[in-house]
Amino acid sequence: MARCGVCFRHCEIPEGKRGFCGSRICEDGAVKADNYGKITSLALDPIEKKPLNRFHPGSMILSAGSYGCNLRCPFCQNYEISWSAEAMGLRETAEVLSPETLVRYALRARAYGNIGIAFTYNEPLVGWEFVRDTAKLAHEAGLLTVLVTNGTAEMSVLEELRGLVDAMNIDLKGFTDRYYTEVLGGDLDTVKAFIARAVRFCHVELTTLIVPGENDSEDEMRALSRWVSELTDEDGRVVGAEIPLHVSRFFPRFRMTDRAATETGLVYRLADVARERLKYVYTGNC
């Protein structure tokens, strides 16, 4: 048995078994990423689709996903490769790519406007070792590295990627402990600490999906945007007002089909609330 140190769960994993995320396994008394290099999704996307609106706008980026996630969002849009039964069925069928091979693919895609590699679709930090190894080679080849993450990782994992990740879109899914704990199976304090550290060494944009009846009040958005606006850089300067926030519309999906899609008017109204504190606020799925 061994203890995993990737996220707040600190899973105690018996020999030959997997942790909560479904992608980390105990082998020979040590925890390793069983999804290392196992690619389930690969696509050339506009950078704005990550979404990153203020990081090389107009560019394309090669997006790669594996399987596994350490949250349990009932509305997951990528449940087929994240934490569902379907996702776990991909363990043996995913295509295995080395970091070198993925970088070669990214270099070939330069002809189509590609600027680098985005680790996305599932939660990339449950397999952070592959991100680290690929990002090192990508930088050597003149490519950029992007991370699309739920931010539910320990500081030690984030520090492993310092200087290797150029931009992140981090989900700040809500701003109450109840929502993170009871609905998502996560930990808000972990995400806040992750965001506060990440903004000190790379470009960061945030995304908040507005779920009716869960995180859709003006008071919560006001608290969230106030906290973001007060974030500081490595020199202690307040830079939070410059951090882009994407306020997105929910659609019924996966295990949350008991409510209608978020009203577009509500998304626009909450975006206006966020603009009281933040300079760059975008609406999505509207």
Protein backbone atom coordinates (compact mmCIF):
# COMPACT_ATOMS: atom_id res chain seq x y z
CA MET A 1 0.00 0.00 0.00
CA ALA A 2 1.14 3.56 -0.76
CA ARG A 3 -0.21 7.06 -0.27
CA CYS A 4 -0.84 9.29 -3.29
CA GLY A 5 0.17 12.93 -2.96
CA VAL A 6 -1.50 14.47 -6.00
CA CYS A 7 -4.60 15.98 -4.37
CA PHE A 8 -6.32 16.60 -1.06
CA ARG A 9 -7.68 13.03 -0.97
CA HIS A 10 -4.25 11.50 -0.26
CA CYS A 11 -5.60 8.10 -1.25
CA GLU A 12 -4.12 5.08 0.52
CA ILE A 13 -3.90 2.71 -2.46
CA PRO A 14 -3.46 -1.07 -1.93
CA GLU A 15 -0.99 -2.90 -4.15
CA GLY A 16 -2.41 -3.34 -7.65
CA LYS A 17 -5.40 -1.07 -6.99
CA ARG A 18 -6.32 2.42 -8.15
CA GLY A 19 -7.01 5.64 -6.34
CA PHE A 20 -10.21 7.67 -6.46
CA CYS A 21 -9.28 9.27 -9.79
CA GLY A 22 -9.06 5.90 -11.54
CA SER A 23 -5.72 6.72 -13.12
CA ARG A 24 -3.15 6.37 -10.34
CA ILE A 25 -2.13 2.87 -9.26
CA CYS A 26 0.02 1.29 -6.57
CA GLU A 27 2.74 -0.84 -8.12
CA ASP A 28 5.68 -2.32 -6.20
CA GLY A 29 4.76 -0.22 -3.20
CA ALA A 30 4.78 3.11 -5.04
CA VAL A 31 2.09 5.23 -6.68
CA LYS A 32 2.43 5.84 -10.42
CA ALA A 33 0.31 7.30 -13.20
CA ASP A 34 -1.22 4.32 -14.95
CA ASN A 35 -2.53 6.68 -17.65
CA TYR A 36 0.97 7.91 -18.59
CA GLY A 37 0.93 8.63 -22.33
CA LYS A 38 -2.45 6.94 -22.81
CA ILE A 39 -4.28 9.31 -25.14
CA THR A 40 -8.04 9.01 -25.59
CA SER A 41 -8.64 12.28 -27.44
CA LEU A 42 -6.50 14.36 -29.78
CA ALA A 43 -7.69 17.38 -31.74
CA LEU A 44 -6.44 20.67 -33.17
CA ASP A 45 -8.56 23.38 -31.54
CA PRO A 46 -8.79 27.16 -31.59
CA ILE A 47 -7.06 28.46 -28.45
CA GLU A 48 -10.31 30.25 -27.56
CA LYS A 49 -12.00 26.85 -27.12
CA LYS A 50 -9.92 26.03 -24.01
CA PRO A 51 -11.15 28.77 -23.24
CA LEU A 52 -8.20 31.17 -23.39
CA ASN A 53 -9.21 34.51 -24.89
CA ARG A 54 -6.14 36.56 -23.97
CA PHE A 55 -3.33 34.10 -24.71
CA HIS A 56 -2.21 34.14 -28.36
CA PRO A 57 -5.75 34.80 -29.68
CA GLY A 58 -6.43 33.47 -33.16
CA SER A 59 -4.00 30.59 -32.74
CA MET A 60 -4.62 26.86 -32.83
CA ILE A 61 -3.42 24.35 -30.26
CA LEU A 62 -3.09 20.57 -30.27
CA SER A 63 -5.36 19.30 -27.49
CA ALA A 64 -4.63 15.96 -25.84
CA GLY A 65 -6.66 14.09 -23.24
CA SER A 66 -6.25 10.87 -21.29
CA TYR A 67 -8.66 9.40 -18.71
CA GLY A 68 -9.34 9.91 -15.02
CA CYS A 69 -10.50 12.73 -12.75
CA ASN A 70 -10.38 13.50 -9.03
CA LEU A 71 -13.74 15.32 -8.97
CA ARG A 72 -17.23 13.93 -9.53
CA CYS A 73 -19.10 16.75 -11.26
CA PRO A 74 -22.54 15.31 -12.10
CA PHE A 75 -22.76 17.53 -15.19
CA CYS A 76 -19.38 16.52 -16.65
CA GLN A 77 -19.26 17.25 -20.40
CA ASN A 78 -16.40 14.80 -20.96
CA TYR A 79 -17.66 11.98 -18.74
CA GLU A 80 -16.83 9.40 -21.40
CA ILE A 81 -13.11 9.95 -20.70
CA SER A 82 -13.11 11.36 -17.19
CA TRP A 83 -14.69 9.28 -14.44
CA SER A 84 -17.61 7.26 -15.78
CA ALA A 85 -17.71 3.53 -16.40
CA GLU A 86 -17.05 4.34 -20.06
CA ALA A 87 -13.90 6.22 -19.09
CA MET A 88 -12.54 3.32 -17.08
CA GLY A 89 -13.13 1.06 -20.07
CA LEU A 90 -10.58 3.11 -22.00
CA ARG A 91 -7.66 1.97 -19.87
CA GLU A 92 -6.76 -0.82 -22.26
CA THR A 93 -7.85 0.77 -25.53
CA ALA A 94 -6.25 4.22 -25.32
CA GLU A 95 -3.45 4.93 -27.78
CA VAL A 96 -0.08 5.11 -26.06
CA LEU A 97 2.08 8.04 -27.18
CA SER A 98 5.50 8.96 -25.86
CA PRO A 99 6.22 12.61 -25.05
CA GLU A 100 8.51 12.66 -28.08
CA THR A 101 5.74 11.45 -30.38
CA LEU A 102 3.20 13.97 -29.09
CA VAL A 103 5.69 16.80 -29.60
CA ARG A 104 6.33 15.59 -33.15
CA TYR A 105 2.59 15.70 -33.85
CA ALA A 106 2.46 19.25 -32.48
CA LEU A 107 5.36 20.34 -34.65
CA ARG A 108 3.69 18.94 -37.75
CA ALA A 109 0.55 20.92 -36.91
CA ARG A 110 2.47 24.20 -36.99
CA ALA A 111 1.53 24.42 -40.64
CA TYR A 112 -2.08 24.86 -39.48
CA GLY A 113 -1.35 27.59 -36.95
CA ASN A 114 -0.52 25.36 -33.98
CA ILE A 115 1.44 27.00 -31.17
CA GLY A 116 1.80 24.06 -28.79
CA ILE A 117 0.05 21.39 -26.73
CA ALA A 118 -2.95 21.71 -24.42
CA PHE A 119 -3.56 19.01 -21.82
CA THR A 120 -7.31 18.92 -21.47
CA TYR A 121 -10.59 16.93 -21.75
CA ASN A 122 -9.98 14.85 -18.61
CA GLU A 123 -8.15 16.18 -15.52
CA PRO A 124 -4.51 16.35 -16.68
CA LEU A 125 -2.96 16.67 -13.22
CA VAL A 126 -3.90 13.14 -12.19
CA GLY A 127 -1.21 12.25 -14.73
CA TRP A 128 1.05 15.25 -14.16
CA GLU A 129 4.24 13.30 -14.90
CA PHE A 130 3.30 13.02 -18.58
CA VAL A 131 2.52 16.74 -18.67
CA ARG A 132 5.94 17.49 -17.14
CA ASP A 133 7.92 15.27 -19.47
CA THR A 134 6.11 16.43 -22.60
CA ALA A 135 6.23 20.11 -21.65
CA LYS A 136 10.01 19.96 -21.24
CA LEU A 137 10.41 18.63 -24.77
CA ALA A 138 7.81 21.04 -26.13
CA HIS A 139 9.71 24.02 -24.76
CA GLU A 140 12.95 22.74 -26.25
CA ALA A 141 11.15 22.58 -29.61
CA GLY A 142 9.81 26.12 -29.29
CA LEU A 143 6.25 25.08 -28.46
CA LEU A 144 3.97 26.40 -25.72
CA THR A 145 2.19 24.30 -23.10
CA VAL A 146 -1.36 24.88 -21.85
CA LEU A 147 -3.19 23.20 -18.99
CA VAL A 148 -6.99 23.02 -18.64
CA THR A 149 -7.54 21.91 -15.07
CA ASN A 150 -9.91 21.81 -12.12
CA GLY A 151 -7.09 23.09 -9.93
CA THR A 152 -7.58 20.34 -7.38
CA ALA A 153 -3.94 19.48 -6.83
CA GLU A 154 -1.38 19.92 -4.11
CA MET A 155 1.22 22.67 -4.30
CA SER A 156 3.98 20.10 -4.76
CA VAL A 157 2.42 19.05 -8.08
CA LEU A 158 2.05 22.64 -9.22
CA GLU A 159 5.67 23.37 -8.38
CA GLU A 160 6.78 20.44 -10.55
CA LEU A 161 5.26 22.33 -13.50
CA ARG A 162 6.64 25.76 -12.71
CA GLY A 163 8.45 27.09 -15.75
CA LEU A 164 6.97 24.37 -17.96
CA VAL A 165 3.35 25.51 -18.31
CA ASP A 166 2.78 28.79 -20.13
CA ALA A 167 -0.95 29.20 -19.58
CA MET A 168 -3.79 27.62 -17.65
CA ASN A 169 -7.53 27.76 -17.71
CA ILE A 170 -8.58 26.79 -14.19
CA ASP A 171 -12.13 25.94 -13.17
CA LEU A 172 -13.33 28.00 -10.24
CA LYS A 173 -16.61 26.13 -10.27
CA GLY A 174 -18.28 28.06 -7.48
CA PHE A 175 -17.47 29.87 -4.28
CA THR A 176 -19.07 27.93 -1.43
CA ASP A 177 -17.71 24.98 0.50
CA ARG A 178 -21.13 23.29 0.26
CA TYR A 179 -21.12 23.29 -3.53
CA TYR A 180 -17.58 21.99 -3.81
CA THR A 181 -18.03 19.31 -1.17
CA GLU A 182 -21.60 18.09 -1.69
CA VAL A 183 -22.04 18.51 -5.46
CA LEU A 184 -18.53 18.21 -6.93
CA GLY A 185 -16.78 16.04 -4.35
CA GLY A 186 -13.96 18.56 -4.17
CA ASP A 187 -12.34 21.10 -1.89
CA LEU A 188 -12.64 24.84 -2.46
CA ASP A 189 -9.62 25.79 -0.35
CA THR A 190 -7.38 23.54 -2.47
CA VAL A 191 -8.55 25.25 -5.66
CA LYS A 192 -8.14 28.74 -4.23
CA ALA A 193 -4.59 27.98 -3.11
CA PHE A 194 -3.79 26.49 -6.53
CA ILE A 195 -5.09 29.55 -8.37
CA ALA A 196 -3.31 31.98 -6.05
CA ARG A 197 0.02 30.23 -6.70
CA ALA A 198 -0.50 29.67 -10.45
CA VAL A 199 -1.09 33.36 -11.22
CA ARG A 200 2.42 34.04 -9.93
CA PHE A 201 4.20 32.18 -12.70
CA CYS A 202 2.00 31.78 -15.78
CA HIS A 203 -0.94 33.25 -17.66
CA VAL A 204 -4.20 32.23 -15.96
CA GLU A 205 -7.82 32.46 -17.04
CA LEU A 206 -10.72 31.15 -14.95
CA THR A 207 -14.02 29.50 -15.82
CA THR A 208 -17.21 29.36 -13.75
CA LEU A 209 -20.09 27.25 -15.05
CA ILE A 210 -23.38 28.65 -13.75
CA VAL A 211 -25.62 25.79 -12.59
CA PRO A 212 -29.24 26.76 -11.78
CA GLY A 213 -30.02 26.45 -8.10
CA GLU A 214 -26.39 25.76 -7.14
CA ASN A 215 -23.98 28.65 -7.73
CA ASP A 216 -26.16 31.17 -9.53
CA SER A 217 -26.64 33.99 -7.03
CA GLU A 218 -25.33 37.51 -7.44
CA ASP A 219 -23.92 37.38 -3.92
CA GLU A 220 -21.79 34.34 -4.74
CA MET A 221 -20.52 35.86 -7.98
CA ARG A 222 -19.75 39.07 -6.16
CA ALA A 223 -17.73 37.18 -3.53
CA LEU A 224 -15.92 35.13 -6.19
CA SER A 225 -14.95 38.10 -8.32
CA ARG A 226 -13.87 40.11 -5.28
CA TRP A 227 -11.52 37.30 -4.24
CA VAL A 228 -10.08 37.03 -7.76
CA SER A 229 -9.58 40.79 -7.98
CA GLU A 230 -7.33 40.73 -4.90
CA LEU A 231 -4.86 38.10 -6.16
CA THR A 232 -1.22 39.14 -6.32
CA ASP A 233 1.79 38.34 -8.46
CA GLU A 234 5.17 37.08 -7.26
CA ASP A 235 6.24 40.61 -6.32
CA GLY A 236 3.13 41.19 -4.23
CA ARG A 237 1.44 43.49 -6.71
CA VAL A 238 -2.34 43.15 -6.97
CA VAL A 239 -3.07 41.80 -10.47
CA GLY A 240 -6.38 40.02 -9.98
CA ALA A 241 -8.52 42.54 -11.83
CA GLU A 242 -6.60 41.63 -15.00
CA ILE A 243 -7.37 37.89 -14.75
CA PRO A 244 -9.97 36.88 -17.37
CA LEU A 245 -13.10 35.12 -16.10
CA HIS A 246 -15.32 33.01 -18.36
CA VAL A 247 -18.91 32.81 -17.09
CA SER A 248 -20.51 29.84 -18.85
CA ARG A 249 -24.00 28.51 -19.35
CA PHE A 250 -24.95 25.07 -18.01
CA PHE A 251 -26.78 22.49 -20.12
CA PRO A 252 -28.35 19.28 -18.72
CA ARG A 253 -25.78 16.54 -19.05
CA PHE A 254 -24.64 13.16 -17.72
CA ARG A 255 -26.12 12.75 -14.21
CA MET A 256 -27.63 16.21 -13.89
CA THR A 257 -30.68 16.27 -16.15
CA ASP A 258 -33.13 17.38 -13.47
CA ARG A 259 -33.03 21.05 -14.44
CA ALA A 260 -33.16 23.21 -17.53
CA ALA A 261 -30.25 25.01 -19.10
CA THR A 262 -29.21 28.23 -17.41
CA GLU A 263 -31.16 31.21 -18.69
CA THR A 264 -28.94 33.33 -20.90
CA GLY A 265 -30.15 36.47 -19.16
CA LEU A 266 -28.82 35.15 -15.86
CA VAL A 267 -25.41 34.40 -17.36
CA TYR A 268 -25.22 37.94 -18.75
CA ARG A 269 -26.35 39.43 -15.43
CA LEU A 270 -23.75 37.50 -13.44
CA ALA A 271 -21.09 38.51 -15.94
CA ASP A 272 -22.02 42.14 -15.29
CA VAL A 273 -21.69 41.52 -11.55
CA ALA A 274 -18.19 40.12 -12.11
CA ARG A 275 -17.31 43.21 -14.16
CA GLU A 276 -17.73 45.32 -11.03
CA ARG A 277 -14.29 43.97 -10.05
CA LEU A 278 -12.77 42.31 -13.12
CA LYS A 279 -11.68 43.90 -16.39
CA TYR A 280 -12.02 40.88 -18.69
CA VAL A 281 -15.26 38.89 -18.32
CA TYR A 282 -16.55 36.67 -21.09
CA THR A 283 -19.78 34.72 -21.47
CA GLY A 284 -19.78 31.16 -22.85
CA ASN A 285 -22.31 28.72 -24.32
CA CYS A 286 -24.77 31.56 -24.89
